[in-house]
Amino acid sequence: MQEDTFERQAAPSHEILGEVEFSRAAYDAFLKLDADTRRLVSLAPRAAGHREIAPGIFSSDAGPGLRVVFRREAQLASILALTGRRTA
């Protein structure tokens, strides 16, 4: 079930408009990041400059050596994967 594979993060409304949910693998990688990088990851789906890599799936830089793969629906962003050397 989808509820079992995604973790949700509530964020203050002044930082992010809406909610961010993570796939289990992305959330595991997210937890290993420092606080500043976590904030960049959470903001990536709302930032300009992302590119569509498949229908409805986007990729965005979240700093040097870190990319966020996500899908977005209204006020919900689903982070599917974190890639790059910072996630190793």
N, C-alpha and C. Protein backbone atom coordinates (compact mmCIF):
# COMPACT_ATOMS: atom_id res chain seq x y z
N MET A 1 0.84 -1.19 0.00
CA MET A 1 0.00 0.00 0.00
C MET A 1 0.88 1.24 0.00
N GLN A 2 0.38 2.31 -0.57
CA GLN A 2 1.15 3.53 -0.66
C GLN A 2 1.46 4.10 0.72
N GLU A 3 0.57 3.94 1.67
CA GLU A 3 0.81 4.45 3.02
C GLU A 3 2.04 3.81 3.65
N ASP A 4 2.34 2.58 3.26
CA ASP A 4 3.49 1.88 3.81
C ASP A 4 4.80 2.29 3.17
N THR A 5 4.76 2.88 1.98
CA THR A 5 5.99 3.17 1.27
C THR A 5 6.38 4.64 1.27
N PHE A 6 5.56 5.50 1.84
CA PHE A 6 5.89 6.92 1.87
C PHE A 6 5.88 7.45 3.29
N GLU A 7 6.82 8.32 3.57
CA GLU A 7 6.89 9.04 4.84
C GLU A 7 6.54 10.49 4.54
N ARG A 8 5.76 11.11 5.39
CA ARG A 8 5.38 12.51 5.18
C ARG A 8 6.11 13.41 6.17
N GLN A 9 6.42 14.60 5.68
CA GLN A 9 7.08 15.59 6.51
C GLN A 9 6.22 16.84 6.49
N ALA A 10 5.73 17.24 7.63
CA ALA A 10 4.98 18.49 7.72
C ALA A 10 5.99 19.62 7.83
N ALA A 11 5.73 20.71 7.14
CA ALA A 11 6.65 21.84 7.15
C ALA A 11 5.88 23.11 7.47
N PRO A 12 6.55 24.07 8.12
CA PRO A 12 5.90 25.34 8.38
C PRO A 12 5.46 25.99 7.07
N SER A 13 4.28 26.59 7.06
CA SER A 13 3.73 27.13 5.82
C SER A 13 4.57 28.27 5.25
N HIS A 14 5.34 28.97 6.07
CA HIS A 14 6.15 30.06 5.53
C HIS A 14 7.37 29.54 4.78
N GLU A 15 7.76 28.29 4.99
CA GLU A 15 8.91 27.72 4.28
C GLU A 15 8.49 26.99 3.02
N ILE A 16 7.48 26.14 3.11
CA ILE A 16 7.06 25.33 1.98
C ILE A 16 5.54 25.38 1.91
N LEU A 17 5.01 25.58 0.74
CA LEU A 17 3.56 25.57 0.59
C LEU A 17 3.13 24.15 0.32
N GLY A 18 2.55 23.49 1.30
CA GLY A 18 2.09 22.13 1.13
C GLY A 18 2.96 21.13 1.86
N GLU A 19 2.71 19.87 1.55
CA GLU A 19 3.42 18.78 2.21
C GLU A 19 4.43 18.15 1.28
N VAL A 20 5.39 17.47 1.88
CA VAL A 20 6.38 16.70 1.13
C VAL A 20 6.31 15.29 1.67
N GLU A 21 6.22 14.32 0.76
CA GLU A 21 6.29 12.93 1.17
C GLU A 21 7.47 12.28 0.47
N PHE A 22 7.99 11.23 1.08
CA PHE A 22 9.19 10.57 0.58
C PHE A 22 8.92 9.09 0.35
N SER A 23 9.56 8.54 -0.68
CA SER A 23 9.59 7.08 -0.79
C SER A 23 10.46 6.59 0.36
N ARG A 24 10.34 5.35 0.72
CA ARG A 24 11.11 4.82 1.85
C ARG A 24 12.62 4.98 1.61
N ALA A 25 13.10 4.66 0.41
CA ALA A 25 14.53 4.77 0.10
C ALA A 25 14.99 6.23 0.16
N ALA A 26 14.19 7.15 -0.38
CA ALA A 26 14.55 8.56 -0.35
C ALA A 26 14.56 9.07 1.09
N TYR A 27 13.63 8.61 1.91
CA TYR A 27 13.58 9.06 3.30
C TYR A 27 14.79 8.54 4.08
N ASP A 28 15.20 7.32 3.82
CA ASP A 28 16.40 6.78 4.48
C ASP A 28 17.62 7.63 4.13
N ALA A 29 17.76 8.01 2.86
CA ALA A 29 18.87 8.87 2.44
C ALA A 29 18.73 10.26 3.05
N PHE A 30 17.52 10.79 3.10
CA PHE A 30 17.23 12.11 3.66
C PHE A 30 17.67 12.19 5.12
N LEU A 31 17.42 11.16 5.89
CA LEU A 31 17.77 11.16 7.31
C LEU A 31 19.27 11.22 7.56
N LYS A 32 20.07 10.83 6.59
CA LYS A 32 21.53 10.85 6.73
C LYS A 32 22.13 12.22 6.40
N LEU A 33 21.34 13.14 5.88
CA LEU A 33 21.82 14.45 5.48
C LEU A 33 21.80 15.42 6.66
N ASP A 34 22.64 16.47 6.58
CA ASP A 34 22.64 17.49 7.62
C ASP A 34 21.39 18.38 7.47
N ALA A 35 21.12 19.18 8.48
CA ALA A 35 19.89 19.98 8.53
C ALA A 35 19.77 20.95 7.35
N ASP A 36 20.85 21.61 6.98
CA ASP A 36 20.79 22.56 5.86
C ASP A 36 20.47 21.86 4.55
N THR A 37 21.08 20.70 4.34
CA THR A 37 20.83 19.94 3.11
C THR A 37 19.40 19.40 3.10
N ARG A 38 18.89 18.99 4.25
CA ARG A 38 17.50 18.53 4.33
C ARG A 38 16.55 19.63 3.90
N ARG A 39 16.84 20.84 4.33
CA ARG A 39 15.98 21.97 3.96
C ARG A 39 16.01 22.19 2.45
N LEU A 40 17.20 22.10 1.84
CA LEU A 40 17.32 22.24 0.39
C LEU A 40 16.54 21.15 -0.35
N VAL A 41 16.61 19.94 0.16
CA VAL A 41 15.87 18.82 -0.44
C VAL A 41 14.37 19.10 -0.36
N SER A 42 13.90 19.57 0.78
CA SER A 42 12.47 19.84 0.96
C SER A 42 11.99 20.97 0.06
N LEU A 43 12.87 21.92 -0.25
CA LEU A 43 12.50 23.05 -1.10
C LEU A 43 12.62 22.74 -2.59
N ALA A 44 13.38 21.74 -2.96
CA ALA A 44 13.66 21.44 -4.37
C ALA A 44 12.41 21.29 -5.23
N PRO A 45 11.37 20.59 -4.78
CA PRO A 45 10.18 20.47 -5.64
C PRO A 45 9.46 21.79 -5.90
N ARG A 46 9.68 22.80 -5.08
CA ARG A 46 9.03 24.10 -5.24
C ARG A 46 9.91 25.09 -5.99
N ALA A 47 11.17 24.75 -6.20
CA ALA A 47 12.12 25.67 -6.82
C ALA A 47 11.95 25.70 -8.33
N ALA A 48 12.37 26.80 -8.92
CA ALA A 48 12.38 26.91 -10.38
C ALA A 48 13.62 26.17 -10.90
N GLY A 49 13.62 25.86 -12.15
CA GLY A 49 14.80 25.26 -12.75
C GLY A 49 14.83 23.75 -12.77
N HIS A 50 13.72 23.10 -12.47
CA HIS A 50 13.69 21.65 -12.54
C HIS A 50 13.38 21.23 -13.97
N ARG A 51 13.70 19.99 -14.29
CA ARG A 51 13.42 19.51 -15.64
C ARG A 51 12.59 18.24 -15.57
N GLU A 52 11.74 18.06 -16.56
CA GLU A 52 10.89 16.88 -16.62
C GLU A 52 11.69 15.75 -17.26
N ILE A 53 11.88 14.65 -16.52
CA ILE A 53 12.67 13.53 -17.03
C ILE A 53 11.79 12.40 -17.54
N ALA A 54 10.53 12.41 -17.20
CA ALA A 54 9.52 11.47 -17.69
C ALA A 54 8.17 12.16 -17.46
N PRO A 55 7.12 11.70 -18.11
CA PRO A 55 5.83 12.37 -17.90
C PRO A 55 5.44 12.44 -16.42
N GLY A 56 5.37 13.66 -15.90
CA GLY A 56 4.97 13.88 -14.51
C GLY A 56 6.06 13.68 -13.48
N ILE A 57 7.28 13.35 -13.91
CA ILE A 57 8.40 13.14 -12.98
C ILE A 57 9.49 14.16 -13.31
N PHE A 58 9.98 14.82 -12.26
CA PHE A 58 10.91 15.92 -12.43
C PHE A 58 12.20 15.67 -11.66
N SER A 59 13.25 16.41 -12.04
CA SER A 59 14.54 16.34 -11.38
C SER A 59 15.02 17.76 -11.12
N SER A 60 15.61 17.97 -9.95
CA SER A 60 16.08 19.30 -9.57
C SER A 60 17.35 19.18 -8.75
N ASP A 61 18.26 20.15 -8.91
CA ASP A 61 19.45 20.20 -8.07
C ASP A 61 19.07 20.68 -6.69
N ALA A 62 19.67 20.07 -5.67
CA ALA A 62 19.47 20.51 -4.29
C ALA A 62 20.82 20.84 -3.68
N GLY A 63 21.70 21.37 -4.48
CA GLY A 63 23.04 21.69 -4.03
C GLY A 63 24.06 20.85 -4.77
N PRO A 64 25.34 21.15 -4.56
CA PRO A 64 26.40 20.40 -5.24
C PRO A 64 26.36 18.92 -4.87
N GLY A 65 26.36 18.07 -5.89
CA GLY A 65 26.41 16.63 -5.65
C GLY A 65 25.13 16.01 -5.16
N LEU A 66 23.98 16.69 -5.37
CA LEU A 66 22.72 16.14 -4.89
C LEU A 66 21.58 16.54 -5.82
N ARG A 67 20.86 15.55 -6.33
CA ARG A 67 19.68 15.77 -7.16
C ARG A 67 18.48 15.12 -6.50
N VAL A 68 17.33 15.76 -6.69
CA VAL A 68 16.07 15.27 -6.15
C VAL A 68 15.17 14.89 -7.33
N VAL A 69 14.65 13.67 -7.30
CA VAL A 69 13.70 13.20 -8.31
C VAL A 69 12.34 13.16 -7.62
N PHE A 70 11.34 13.81 -8.22
CA PHE A 70 10.05 13.96 -7.54
C PHE A 70 8.91 14.05 -8.54
N ARG A 71 7.70 13.89 -8.02
CA ARG A 71 6.48 14.21 -8.76
C ARG A 71 5.70 15.19 -7.90
N ARG A 72 4.89 16.00 -8.54
CA ARG A 72 4.18 17.05 -7.82
C ARG A 72 2.72 17.04 -8.22
N GLU A 73 1.85 17.14 -7.22
CA GLU A 73 0.40 17.22 -7.43
C GLU A 73 -0.15 18.27 -6.48
N ALA A 74 -0.66 19.35 -7.02
CA ALA A 74 -1.25 20.43 -6.23
C ALA A 74 -0.34 20.83 -5.08
N GLN A 75 -0.74 20.59 -3.85
CA GLN A 75 0.04 20.98 -2.67
C GLN A 75 0.87 19.84 -2.10
N LEU A 76 1.05 18.76 -2.85
CA LEU A 76 1.81 17.61 -2.37
C LEU A 76 2.95 17.30 -3.34
N ALA A 77 4.15 17.23 -2.81
CA ALA A 77 5.31 16.81 -3.60
C ALA A 77 5.76 15.45 -3.07
N SER A 78 5.98 14.51 -3.96
CA SER A 78 6.45 13.18 -3.59
C SER A 78 7.88 13.02 -4.06
N ILE A 79 8.81 12.97 -3.11
CA ILE A 79 10.22 12.78 -3.45
C ILE A 79 10.44 11.29 -3.63
N LEU A 80 10.82 10.91 -4.83
CA LEU A 80 10.97 9.51 -5.19
C LEU A 80 12.38 9.01 -4.95
N ALA A 81 13.39 9.88 -5.19
CA ALA A 81 14.78 9.45 -5.04
C ALA A 81 15.68 10.64 -4.79
N LEU A 82 16.75 10.40 -4.06
CA LEU A 82 17.84 11.36 -3.89
C LEU A 82 19.07 10.70 -4.50
N THR A 83 19.74 11.41 -5.40
CA THR A 83 20.90 10.83 -6.07
C THR A 83 22.09 11.78 -5.98
N GLY A 84 23.26 11.23 -6.17
CA GLY A 84 24.48 12.02 -6.17
C GLY A 84 25.43 11.58 -5.08
N ARG A 85 26.62 12.17 -5.11
CA ARG A 85 27.68 11.73 -4.18
C ARG A 85 27.35 12.04 -2.72
N ARG A 86 26.49 13.02 -2.45
CA ARG A 86 26.15 13.35 -1.06
C ARG A 86 25.23 12.33 -0.42
N THR A 87 24.64 11.45 -1.22
CA THR A 87 23.76 10.43 -0.66
C THR A 87 24.48 9.12 -0.42
N ALA A 88 25.74 9.05 -0.82
CA ALA A 88 26.50 7.79 -0.66
C ALA A 88 26.86 7.53 0.78
